[in-house]
Amino acid sequence: MIKINELLYARMIRMLVDGATSRNVAMETGLHVVTAQSYLRALHKEKATHIIAWVKNTRGVDTTPVFKLGVGEDKPRSKMTRAEIAKRYRYRRLLRKRMERTIEQT
């Protein structure tokens, strides 16, 4: 007799053959996202999976790893240079000033 847990593990492993995030695993298996993250971290700690990519959040920061089954080198997170950080800061400051002017005019 096949139990539900065995089917969930089988689906997770099938997904990891091509690469998957914890959110993808959670949606496919019905597990909670935190549980999926825990399983994927455990597999990564035991070197059964490796990180092939990173998903950026809305601020452009690498936050969500994409895991793939098998041994391999983890892809490092991308880092912004000091010049890129300064450029983004100047742009956001410019937007704030424009917004303040718009509010003052109304």
PDB file of N, CA and C in Angstrom:
ATOM      1  N   MET A   1       0.843  -1.186   0.000  1.00  0.00           N
ATOM      2  CA  MET A   1       0.000   0.000   0.000  1.00  0.00           C
ATOM      3  C   MET A   1       0.886   1.246   0.000  1.00  0.00           C
ATOM      4  N   ILE A   2       0.629   2.180  -0.908  1.00  0.00           N
ATOM      5  CA  ILE A   2       1.417   3.405  -1.011  1.00  0.00           C
ATOM      6  C   ILE A   2       0.800   4.462  -0.112  1.00  0.00           C
ATOM      7  N   LYS A   3       1.648   5.077   0.699  1.00  0.00           N
ATOM      8  CA  LYS A   3       1.189   6.137   1.589  1.00  0.00           C
ATOM      9  C   LYS A   3       1.328   7.487   0.891  1.00  0.00           C
ATOM     10  N   ILE A   4       0.626   8.475   1.412  1.00  0.00           N
ATOM     11  CA  ILE A   4       0.669   9.828   0.848  1.00  0.00           C
ATOM     12  C   ILE A   4       2.087  10.388   0.897  1.00  0.00           C
ATOM     13  N   ASN A   5       2.771  10.194   2.011  1.00  0.00           N
ATOM     14  CA  ASN A   5       4.128  10.731   2.143  1.00  0.00           C
ATOM     15  C   ASN A   5       5.057  10.210   1.064  1.00  0.00           C
ATOM     16  N   GLU A   6       4.923   8.935   0.725  1.00  0.00           N
ATOM     17  CA  GLU A   6       5.778   8.354  -0.305  1.00  0.00           C
ATOM     18  C   GLU A   6       5.516   9.003  -1.657  1.00  0.00           C
ATOM     19  N   LEU A   7       4.260   9.286  -1.956  1.00  0.00           N
ATOM     20  CA  LEU A   7       3.927   9.957  -3.219  1.00  0.00           C
ATOM     21  C   LEU A   7       4.481  11.381  -3.244  1.00  0.00           C
ATOM     22  N   LEU A   8       4.398  12.076  -2.109  1.00  0.00           N
ATOM     23  CA  LEU A   8       4.924  13.443  -2.052  1.00  0.00           C
ATOM     24  C   LEU A   8       6.430  13.461  -2.282  1.00  0.00           C
ATOM     25  N   TYR A   9       7.133  12.533  -1.652  1.00  0.00           N
ATOM     26  CA  TYR A   9       8.584  12.457  -1.846  1.00  0.00           C
ATOM     27  C   TYR A   9       8.918  12.137  -3.298  1.00  0.00           C
ATOM     28  N   ALA A  10       8.152  11.228  -3.892  1.00  0.00           N
ATOM     29  CA  ALA A  10       8.396  10.868  -5.284  1.00  0.00           C
ATOM     30  C   ALA A  10       8.175  12.075  -6.204  1.00  0.00           C
ATOM     31  N   ARG A  11       7.108  12.832  -5.961  1.00  0.00           N
ATOM     32  CA  ARG A  11       6.864  14.038  -6.769  1.00  0.00           C
ATOM     33  C   ARG A  11       7.979  15.057  -6.593  1.00  0.00           C
ATOM     34  N   MET A  12       8.431  15.226  -5.341  1.00  0.00           N
ATOM     35  CA  MET A  12       9.496  16.196  -5.073  1.00  0.00           C
ATOM     36  C   MET A  12      10.777  15.790  -5.804  1.00  0.00           C
ATOM     37  N   ILE A  13      11.133  14.536  -5.744  1.00  0.00           N
ATOM     38  CA  ILE A  13      12.344  14.063  -6.419  1.00  0.00           C
ATOM     39  C   ILE A  13      12.213  14.227  -7.926  1.00  0.00           C
ATOM     40  N   ARG A  14      11.024  13.914  -8.475  1.00  0.00           N
ATOM     41  CA  ARG A  14      10.802  14.094  -9.914  1.00  0.00           C
ATOM     42  C   ARG A  14      11.002  15.553 -10.315  1.00  0.00           C
ATOM     43  N   MET A  15      10.516  16.471  -9.489  1.00  0.00           N
ATOM     44  CA  MET A  15      10.665  17.896  -9.785  1.00  0.00           C
ATOM     45  C   MET A  15      12.121  18.328  -9.707  1.00  0.00           C
ATOM     46  N   LEU A  16      12.863  17.757  -8.771  1.00  0.00           N
ATOM     47  CA  LEU A  16      14.250  18.148  -8.571  1.00  0.00           C
ATOM     48  C   LEU A  16      15.172  17.672  -9.694  1.00  0.00           C
ATOM     49  N   VAL A  17      14.710  16.743 -10.508  1.00  0.00           N
ATOM     50  CA  VAL A  17      15.516  16.291 -11.649  1.00  0.00           C
ATOM     51  C   VAL A  17      15.754  17.461 -12.599  1.00  0.00           C
ATOM     52  N   ASP A  18      14.734  18.299 -12.804  1.00  0.00           N
ATOM     53  CA  ASP A  18      14.855  19.461 -13.696  1.00  0.00           C
ATOM     54  C   ASP A  18      15.222  20.735 -12.954  1.00  0.00           C
ATOM     55  N   GLY A  19      14.968  20.777 -11.652  1.00  0.00           N
ATOM     56  CA  GLY A  19      15.234  21.976 -10.855  1.00  0.00           C
ATOM     57  C   GLY A  19      13.928  22.579 -10.373  1.00  0.00           C
ATOM     58  N   ALA A  20      13.893  22.922  -9.086  1.00  0.00           N
ATOM     59  CA  ALA A  20      12.659  23.470  -8.520  1.00  0.00           C
ATOM     60  C   ALA A  20      12.971  24.317  -7.299  1.00  0.00           C
ATOM     61  N   THR A  21      12.099  25.275  -7.032  1.00  0.00           N
ATOM     62  CA  THR A  21      12.191  26.077  -5.816  1.00  0.00           C
ATOM     63  C   THR A  21      11.277  25.457  -4.766  1.00  0.00           C
ATOM     64  N   SER A  22      11.414  25.923  -3.544  1.00  0.00           N
ATOM     65  CA  SER A  22      10.561  25.408  -2.475  1.00  0.00           C
ATOM     66  C   SER A  22       9.093  25.743  -2.737  1.00  0.00           C
ATOM     67  N   ARG A  23       8.831  26.883  -3.335  1.00  0.00           N
ATOM     68  CA  ARG A  23       7.451  27.263  -3.654  1.00  0.00           C
ATOM     69  C   ARG A  23       6.866  26.330  -4.717  1.00  0.00           C
ATOM     70  N   ASN A  24       7.668  25.969  -5.726  1.00  0.00           N
ATOM     71  CA  ASN A  24       7.205  25.026  -6.736  1.00  0.00           C
ATOM     72  C   ASN A  24       6.881  23.667  -6.120  1.00  0.00           C
ATOM     73  N   VAL A  25       7.770  23.200  -5.258  1.00  0.00           N
ATOM     74  CA  VAL A  25       7.553  21.907  -4.595  1.00  0.00           C
ATOM     75  C   VAL A  25       6.288  21.961  -3.746  1.00  0.00           C
ATOM     76  N   ALA A  26       6.091  23.055  -3.026  1.00  0.00           N
ATOM     77  CA  ALA A  26       4.922  23.190  -2.172  1.00  0.00           C
ATOM     78  C   ALA A  26       3.634  23.174  -3.000  1.00  0.00           C
ATOM     79  N   MET A  27       3.633  23.877  -4.108  1.00  0.00           N
ATOM     80  CA  MET A  27       2.425  23.922  -4.939  1.00  0.00           C
ATOM     81  C   MET A  27       2.117  22.554  -5.552  1.00  0.00           C
ATOM     82  N   GLU A  28       3.134  21.851  -5.964  1.00  0.00           N
ATOM     83  CA  GLU A  28       2.930  20.558  -6.626  1.00  0.00           C
ATOM     84  C   GLU A  28       2.538  19.453  -5.646  1.00  0.00           C
ATOM     85  N   THR A  29       3.119  19.486  -4.451  1.00  0.00           N
ATOM     86  CA  THR A  29       2.899  18.394  -3.506  1.00  0.00           C
ATOM     87  C   THR A  29       1.815  18.677  -2.484  1.00  0.00           C
ATOM     88  N   GLY A  30       1.463  19.938  -2.293  1.00  0.00           N
ATOM     89  CA  GLY A  30       0.489  20.289  -1.273  1.00  0.00           C
ATOM     90  C   GLY A  30       1.109  20.490   0.096  1.00  0.00           C
ATOM     91  N   LEU A  31       2.431  20.374   0.187  1.00  0.00           N
ATOM     92  CA  LEU A  31       3.121  20.641   1.447  1.00  0.00           C
ATOM     93  C   LEU A  31       3.120  22.139   1.723  1.00  0.00           C
ATOM     94  N   HIS A  32       3.332  22.501   2.963  1.00  0.00           N
ATOM     95  CA  HIS A  32       3.495  23.906   3.306  1.00  0.00           C
ATOM     96  C   HIS A  32       4.870  24.352   2.799  1.00  0.00           C
ATOM     97  N   VAL A  33       5.002  25.623   2.449  1.00  0.00           N
ATOM     98  CA  VAL A  33       6.259  26.140   1.897  1.00  0.00           C
ATOM     99  C   VAL A  33       7.411  25.935   2.881  1.00  0.00           C
ATOM    100  N   VAL A  34       7.167  26.151   4.161  1.00  0.00           N
ATOM    101  CA  VAL A  34       8.219  25.997   5.163  1.00  0.00           C
ATOM    102  C   VAL A  34       8.671  24.536   5.242  1.00  0.00           C
ATOM    103  N   THR A  35       7.740  23.608   5.114  1.00  0.00           N
ATOM    104  CA  THR A  35       8.085  22.184   5.122  1.00  0.00           C
ATOM    105  C   THR A  35       8.909  21.838   3.892  1.00  0.00           C
ATOM    106  N   ALA A  36       8.516  22.351   2.736  1.00  0.00           N
ATOM    107  CA  ALA A  36       9.267  22.113   1.501  1.00  0.00           C
ATOM    108  C   ALA A  36      10.675  22.685   1.624  1.00  0.00           C
ATOM    109  N   GLN A  37      10.793  23.896   2.190  1.00  0.00           N
ATOM    110  CA  GLN A  37      12.115  24.490   2.394  1.00  0.00           C
ATOM    111  C   GLN A  37      12.971  23.622   3.299  1.00  0.00           C
ATOM    112  N   SER A  38      12.368  23.093   4.342  1.00  0.00           N
ATOM    113  CA  SER A  38      13.091  22.242   5.281  1.00  0.00           C
ATOM    114  C   SER A  38      13.618  20.988   4.585  1.00  0.00           C
ATOM    115  N   TYR A  39      12.778  20.345   3.781  1.00  0.00           N
ATOM    116  CA  TYR A  39      13.205  19.153   3.048  1.00  0.00           C
ATOM    117  C   TYR A  39      14.341  19.479   2.079  1.00  0.00           C
ATOM    118  N   LEU A  40      14.195  20.574   1.352  1.00  0.00           N
ATOM    119  CA  LEU A  40      15.210  20.933   0.365  1.00  0.00           C
ATOM    120  C   LEU A  40      16.531  21.313   1.038  1.00  0.00           C
ATOM    121  N   ARG A  41      16.450  22.002   2.168  1.00  0.00           N
ATOM    122  CA  ARG A  41      17.683  22.333   2.900  1.00  0.00           C
ATOM    123  C   ARG A  41      18.372  21.073   3.407  1.00  0.00           C
ATOM    124  N   ALA A  42      17.582  20.116   3.883  1.00  0.00           N
ATOM    125  CA  ALA A  42      18.165  18.857   4.372  1.00  0.00           C
ATOM    126  C   ALA A  42      18.842  18.101   3.232  1.00  0.00           C
ATOM    127  N   LEU A  43      18.196  18.046   2.074  1.00  0.00           N
ATOM    128  CA  LEU A  43      18.805  17.397   0.916  1.00  0.00           C
ATOM    129  C   LEU A  43      20.085  18.115   0.489  1.00  0.00           C
ATOM    130  N   HIS A  44      20.064  19.439   0.558  1.00  0.00           N
ATOM    131  CA  HIS A  44      21.244  20.219   0.189  1.00  0.00           C
ATOM    132  C   HIS A  44      22.378  20.012   1.188  1.00  0.00           C
ATOM    133  N   LYS A  45      22.037  19.954   2.466  1.00  0.00           N
ATOM    134  CA  LYS A  45      23.042  19.741   3.511  1.00  0.00           C
ATOM    135  C   LYS A  45      23.733  18.384   3.344  1.00  0.00           C
ATOM    136  N   GLU A  46      22.978  17.391   2.909  1.00  0.00           N
ATOM    137  CA  GLU A  46      23.520  16.046   2.694  1.00  0.00           C
ATOM    138  C   GLU A  46      24.139  15.897   1.304  1.00  0.00           C
ATOM    139  N   LYS A  47      24.218  17.004   0.570  1.00  0.00           N
ATOM    140  CA  LYS A  47      24.805  17.065  -0.765  1.00  0.00           C
ATOM    141  C   LYS A  47      24.093  16.169  -1.784  1.00  0.00           C
ATOM    142  N   ALA A  48      22.787  16.010  -1.595  1.00  0.00           N
ATOM    143  CA  ALA A  48      21.983  15.278  -2.568  1.00  0.00           C
ATOM    144  C   ALA A  48      21.470  16.211  -3.655  1.00  0.00           C
ATOM    145  N   THR A  49      21.454  17.518  -3.364  1.00  0.00           N
ATOM    146  CA  THR A  49      21.048  18.529  -4.339  1.00  0.00           C
ATOM    147  C   THR A  49      22.088  19.635  -4.356  1.00  0.00           C
ATOM    148  N   HIS A  50      22.023  20.459  -5.387  1.00  0.00           N
ATOM    149  CA  HIS A  50      22.863  21.656  -5.455  1.00  0.00           C
ATOM    150  C   HIS A  50      22.046  22.797  -6.047  1.00  0.00           C
ATOM    151  N   ILE A  51      22.518  24.015  -5.842  1.00  0.00           N
ATOM    152  CA  ILE A  51      21.804  25.207  -6.301  1.00  0.00           C
ATOM    153  C   ILE A  51      22.263  25.538  -7.722  1.00  0.00           C
ATOM    154  N   ILE A  52      21.298  25.581  -8.642  1.00  0.00           N
ATOM    155  CA  ILE A  52      21.644  25.863 -10.043  1.00  0.00           C
ATOM    156  C   ILE A  52      21.340  27.305 -10.434  1.00  0.00           C
ATOM    157  N   ALA A  53      20.496  27.984  -9.661  1.00  0.00           N
ATOM    158  CA  ALA A  53      20.132  29.367  -9.984  1.00  0.00           C
ATOM    159  C   ALA A  53      19.513  30.016  -8.756  1.00  0.00           C
ATOM    160  N   TRP A  54      19.306  31.319  -8.850  1.00  0.00           N
ATOM    161  CA  TRP A  54      18.643  32.087  -7.797  1.00  0.00           C
ATOM    162  C   TRP A  54      17.522  32.887  -8.417  1.00  0.00           C
ATOM    163  N   VAL A  55      16.399  32.961  -7.729  1.00  0.00           N
ATOM    164  CA  VAL A  55      15.264  33.783  -8.169  1.00  0.00           C
ATOM    165  C   VAL A  55      15.351  35.110  -7.429  1.00  0.00           C
ATOM    166  N   LYS A  56      15.259  36.203  -8.181  1.00  0.00           N
ATOM    167  CA  LYS A  56      15.351  37.531  -7.580  1.00  0.00           C
ATOM    168  C   LYS A  56      13.994  37.971  -7.050  1.00  0.00           C
ATOM    169  N   ASN A  57      14.016  38.733  -5.954  1.00  0.00           N
ATOM    170  CA  ASN A  57      12.762  39.289  -5.432  1.00  0.00           C
ATOM    171  C   ASN A  57      12.476  40.608  -6.139  1.00  0.00           C
ATOM    172  N   THR A  58      11.475  41.335  -5.685  1.00  0.00           N
ATOM    173  CA  THR A  58      11.079  42.573  -6.360  1.00  0.00           C
ATOM    174  C   THR A  58      12.143  43.657  -6.274  1.00  0.00           C
ATOM    175  N   ARG A  59      13.037  43.557  -5.300  1.00  0.00           N
ATOM    176  CA  ARG A  59      14.112  44.544  -5.172  1.00  0.00           C
ATOM    177  C   ARG A  59      15.354  44.158  -5.963  1.00  0.00           C
ATOM    178  N   GLY A  60      15.309  43.002  -6.636  1.00  0.00           N
ATOM    179  CA  GLY A  60      16.430  42.569  -7.454  1.00  0.00           C
ATOM    180  C   GLY A  60      17.497  41.808  -6.694  1.00  0.00           C
ATOM    181  N   VAL A  61      17.160  41.300  -5.524  1.00  0.00           N
ATOM    182  CA  VAL A  61      18.119  40.576  -4.691  1.00  0.00           C
ATOM    183  C   VAL A  61      17.857  39.080  -4.820  1.00  0.00           C
ATOM    184  N   ASP A  62      18.930  38.292  -4.962  1.00  0.00           N
ATOM    185  CA  ASP A  62      18.793  36.840  -5.021  1.00  0.00           C
ATOM    186  C   ASP A  62      18.313  36.321  -3.675  1.00  0.00           C
ATOM    187  N   THR A  63      17.129  35.729  -3.644  1.00  0.00           N
ATOM    188  CA  THR A  63      16.588  35.255  -2.372  1.00  0.00           C
ATOM    189  C   THR A  63      16.191  33.787  -2.386  1.00  0.00           C
ATOM    190  N   THR A  64      15.668  33.289  -3.484  1.00  0.00           N
ATOM    191  CA  THR A  64      15.133  31.934  -3.521  1.00  0.00           C
ATOM    192  C   THR A  64      16.029  31.035  -4.366  1.00  0.00           C
ATOM    193  N   PRO A  65      16.609  29.995  -3.751  1.00  0.00           N
ATOM    194  CA  PRO A  65      17.450  29.089  -4.534  1.00  0.00           C
ATOM    195  C   PRO A  65      16.621  28.118  -5.363  1.00  0.00           C
ATOM    196  N   VAL A  66      17.157  27.762  -6.531  1.00  0.00           N
ATOM    197  CA  VAL A  66      16.565  26.734  -7.376  1.00  0.00           C
ATOM    198  C   VAL A  66      17.450  25.503  -7.224  1.00  0.00           C
ATOM    199  N   PHE A  67      16.890  24.440  -6.662  1.00  0.00           N
ATOM    200  CA  PHE A  67      17.650  23.231  -6.386  1.00  0.00           C
ATOM    201  C   PHE A  67      17.515  22.238  -7.527  1.00  0.00           C
ATOM    202  N   LYS A  68      18.586  21.467  -7.737  1.00  0.00           N
ATOM    203  CA  LYS A  68      18.567  20.387  -8.719  1.00  0.00           C
ATOM    204  C   LYS A  68      19.167  19.159  -8.072  1.00  0.00           C
ATOM    205  N   LEU A  69      18.605  18.013  -8.385  1.00  0.00           N
ATOM    206  CA  LEU A  69      19.056  16.759  -7.819  1.00  0.00           C
ATOM    207  C   LEU A  69      20.442  16.412  -8.362  1.00  0.00           C
ATOM    208  N   GLY A  70      21.312  15.920  -7.509  1.00  0.00           N
ATOM    209  CA  GLY A  70      22.638  15.491  -7.921  1.00  0.00           C
ATOM    210  C   GLY A  70      23.732  16.325  -7.299  1.00  0.00           C
ATOM    211  N   VAL A  71      24.946  15.844  -7.497  1.00  0.00           N
ATOM    212  CA  VAL A  71      26.120  16.521  -6.952  1.00  0.00           C
ATOM    213  C   VAL A  71      26.582  17.576  -7.946  1.00  0.00           C
ATOM    214  N   GLY A  72      26.957  18.727  -7.448  1.00  0.00           N
ATOM    215  CA  GLY A  72      27.450  19.795  -8.303  1.00  0.00           C
ATOM    216  C   GLY A  72      27.820  21.007  -7.478  1.00  0.00           C
ATOM    217  N   GLU A  73      28.389  21.974  -8.136  1.00  0.00           N
ATOM    218  CA  GLU A  73      28.779  23.218  -7.482  1.00  0.00           C
ATOM    219  C   GLU A  73      27.563  24.126  -7.346  1.00  0.00           C
ATOM    220  N   ASP A  74      27.427  24.766  -6.196  1.00  0.00           N
ATOM    221  CA  ASP A  74      26.357  25.736  -5.996  1.00  0.00           C
ATOM    222  C   ASP A  74      26.670  27.020  -6.744  1.00  0.00           C
ATOM    223  N   LYS A  75      25.659  27.571  -7.391  1.00  0.00           N
ATOM    224  CA  LYS A  75      25.828  28.858  -8.047  1.00  0.00           C
ATOM    225  C   LYS A  75      25.809  29.935  -6.965  1.00  0.00           C
ATOM    226  N   PRO A  76      26.815  30.779  -6.915  1.00  0.00           N
ATOM    227  CA  PRO A  76      26.826  31.830  -5.882  1.00  0.00           C
ATOM    228  C   PRO A  76      25.784  32.905  -6.167  1.00  0.00           C
ATOM    229  N   ARG A  77      25.387  33.591  -5.101  1.00  0.00           N
ATOM    230  CA  ARG A  77      24.471  34.719  -5.262  1.00  0.00           C
ATOM    231  C   ARG A  77      25.206  35.860  -5.951  1.00  0.00           C
ATOM    232  N   SER A  78      24.471  36.604  -6.758  1.00  0.00           N
ATOM    233  CA  SER A  78      25.077  37.767  -7.402  1.00  0.00           C
ATOM    234  C   SER A  78      25.141  38.906  -6.380  1.00  0.00           C
ATOM    235  N   LYS A  79      26.163  39.712  -6.501  1.00  0.00           N
ATOM    236  CA  LYS A  79      26.343  40.836  -5.588  1.00  0.00           C
ATOM    237  C   LYS A  79      26.375  42.126  -6.396  1.00  0.00           C
ATOM    238  N   MET A  80      25.742  43.138  -5.845  1.00  0.00           N
ATOM    239  CA  MET A  80      25.769  44.443  -6.496  1.00  0.00           C
ATOM    240  C   MET A  80      27.084  45.137  -6.146  1.00  0.00           C
ATOM    241  N   THR A  81      27.654  45.833  -7.131  1.00  0.00           N
ATOM    242  CA  THR A  81      28.864  46.602  -6.865  1.00  0.00           C
ATOM    243  C   THR A  81      28.482  47.874  -6.116  1.00  0.00           C
ATOM    244  N   ARG A  82      29.452  48.516  -5.518  1.00  0.00           N
ATOM    245  CA  ARG A  82      29.191  49.770  -4.805  1.00  0.00           C
ATOM    246  C   ARG A  82      28.645  50.818  -5.773  1.00  0.00           C
ATOM    247  N   ALA A  83      29.134  50.811  -7.010  1.00  0.00           N
ATOM    248  CA  ALA A  83      28.648  51.771  -8.008  1.00  0.00           C
ATOM    249  C   ALA A  83      27.170  51.520  -8.325  1.00  0.00           C
ATOM    250  N   GLU A  84      26.768  50.248  -8.430  1.00  0.00           N
ATOM    251  CA  GLU A  84      25.368  49.927  -8.700  1.00  0.00           C
ATOM    252  C   GLU A  84      24.477  50.339  -7.529  1.00  0.00           C
ATOM    253  N   ILE A  85      24.951  50.124  -6.321  1.00  0.00           N
ATOM    254  CA  ILE A  85      24.201  50.529  -5.133  1.00  0.00           C
ATOM    255  C   ILE A  85      24.025  52.039  -5.107  1.00  0.00           C
ATOM    256  N   ALA A  86      25.104  52.778  -5.403  1.00  0.00           N
ATOM    257  CA  ALA A  86      25.043  54.240  -5.412  1.00  0.00           C
ATOM    258  C   ALA A  86      24.108  54.745  -6.509  1.00  0.00           C
ATOM    259  N   LYS A  87      24.150  54.124  -7.679  1.00  0.00           N
ATOM    260  CA  LYS A  87      23.280  54.522  -8.784  1.00  0.00           C
ATOM    261  C   LYS A  87      21.818  54.318  -8.416  1.00  0.00           C
ATOM    262  N   ARG A  88      21.508  53.182  -7.810  1.00  0.00           N
ATOM    263  CA  ARG A  88      20.133  52.906  -7.387  1.00  0.00           C
ATOM    264  C   ARG A  88      19.688  53.906  -6.333  1.00  0.00           C
ATOM    265  N   TYR A  89      20.583  54.253  -5.395  1.00  0.00           N
ATOM    266  CA  TYR A  89      20.257  55.225  -4.354  1.00  0.00           C
ATOM    267  C   TYR A  89      19.948  56.586  -4.959  1.00  0.00           C
ATOM    268  N   ARG A  90      20.774  57.044  -5.909  1.00  0.00           N
ATOM    269  CA  ARG A  90      20.550  58.344  -6.553  1.00  0.00           C
ATOM    270  C   ARG A  90      19.224  58.366  -7.304  1.00  0.00           C
ATOM    271  N   TYR A  91      18.911  57.276  -7.977  1.00  0.00           N
ATOM    272  CA  TYR A  91      17.655  57.196  -8.731  1.00  0.00           C
ATOM    273  C   TYR A  91      16.458  57.262  -7.782  1.00  0.00           C
ATOM    274  N   ARG A  92      16.510  56.529  -6.704  1.00  0.00           N
ATOM    275  CA  ARG A  92      15.409  56.541  -5.742  1.00  0.00           C
ATOM    276  C   ARG A  92      15.270  57.901  -5.070  1.00  0.00           C
ATOM    277  N   ARG A  93      16.378  58.577  -4.801  1.00  0.00           N
ATOM    278  CA  ARG A  93      16.347  59.914  -4.219  1.00  0.00           C
ATOM    279  C   ARG A  93      15.690  60.885  -5.198  1.00  0.00           C
ATOM    280  N   LEU A  94      16.011  60.755  -6.490  1.00  0.00           N
ATOM    281  CA  LEU A  94      15.401  61.592  -7.517  1.00  0.00           C
ATOM    282  C   LEU A  94      13.886  61.368  -7.560  1.00  0.00           C
ATOM    283  N   LEU A  95      13.467  60.122  -7.492  1.00  0.00           N
ATOM    284  CA  LEU A  95      12.031  59.831  -7.494  1.00  0.00           C
ATOM    285  C   LEU A  95      11.334  60.432  -6.279  1.00  0.00           C
ATOM    286  N   ARG A  96      11.982  60.355  -5.114  1.00  0.00           N
ATOM    287  CA  ARG A  96      11.392  60.954  -3.905  1.00  0.00           C
ATOM    288  C   ARG A  96      11.216  62.459  -4.061  1.00  0.00           C
ATOM    289  N   LYS A  97      12.226  63.125  -4.627  1.00  0.00           N
ATOM    290  CA  LYS A  97      12.137  64.570  -4.823  1.00  0.00           C
ATOM    291  C   LYS A  97      11.004  64.933  -5.776  1.00  0.00           C
ATOM    292  N   ARG A  98      10.866  64.156  -6.845  1.00  0.00           N
ATOM    293  CA  ARG A  98       9.784  64.411  -7.797  1.00  0.00           C
ATOM    294  C   ARG A  98       8.431  64.226  -7.138  1.00  0.00           C
ATOM    295  N   MET A  99       8.309  63.214  -6.307  1.00  0.00           N
ATOM    296  CA  MET A  99       7.049  62.963  -5.618  1.00  0.00           C
ATOM    297  C   MET A  99       6.734  64.092  -4.658  1.00  0.00           C
ATOM    298  N   GLU A 100       7.743  64.598  -3.952  1.00  0.00           N
ATOM    299  CA  GLU A 100       7.526  65.699  -3.014  1.00  0.00           C
ATOM    300  C   GLU A 100       7.068  66.948  -3.768  1.00  0.00           C
ATOM    301  N   ARG A 101       7.653  67.213  -4.936  1.00  0.00           N
ATOM    302  CA  ARG A 101       7.244  68.364  -5.736  1.00  0.00           C
ATOM    303  C   ARG A 101       5.794  68.229  -6.188  1.00  0.00           C
ATOM    304  N   THR A 102       5.442  67.024  -6.597  1.00  0.00           N
ATOM    305  CA  THR A 102       4.070  66.772  -7.049  1.00  0.00           C
ATOM    306  C   THR A 102       3.082  67.007  -5.904  1.00  0.00           C
ATOM    307  N   ILE A 103       3.407  66.575  -4.720  1.00  0.00           N
ATOM    308  CA  ILE A 103       2.533  66.741  -3.564  1.00  0.00           C
ATOM    309  C   ILE A 103       2.418  68.218  -3.201  1.00  0.00           C
ATOM    310  N   GLU A 104       3.533  68.972  -3.266  1.00  0.00           N
ATOM    311  CA  GLU A 104       3.514  70.392  -2.949  1.00  0.00           C
ATOM    312  C   GLU A 104       2.664  71.177  -3.941  1.00  0.00           C
ATOM    313  N   GLN A 105       2.639  70.771  -5.203  1.00  0.00           N
ATOM    314  CA  GLN A 105       1.893  71.486  -6.227  1.00  0.00           C
ATOM    315  C   GLN A 105       0.393  71.275  -6.105  1.00  0.00           C
ATOM    316  N   THR A 106      -0.017  70.206  -5.481  1.00  0.00           N
ATOM    317  CA  THR A 106      -1.456  69.952  -5.382  1.00  0.00           C
ATOM    318  C   THR A 106      -2.075  70.605  -4.188  1.00  0.00           C
TER     319      THR A 106
END
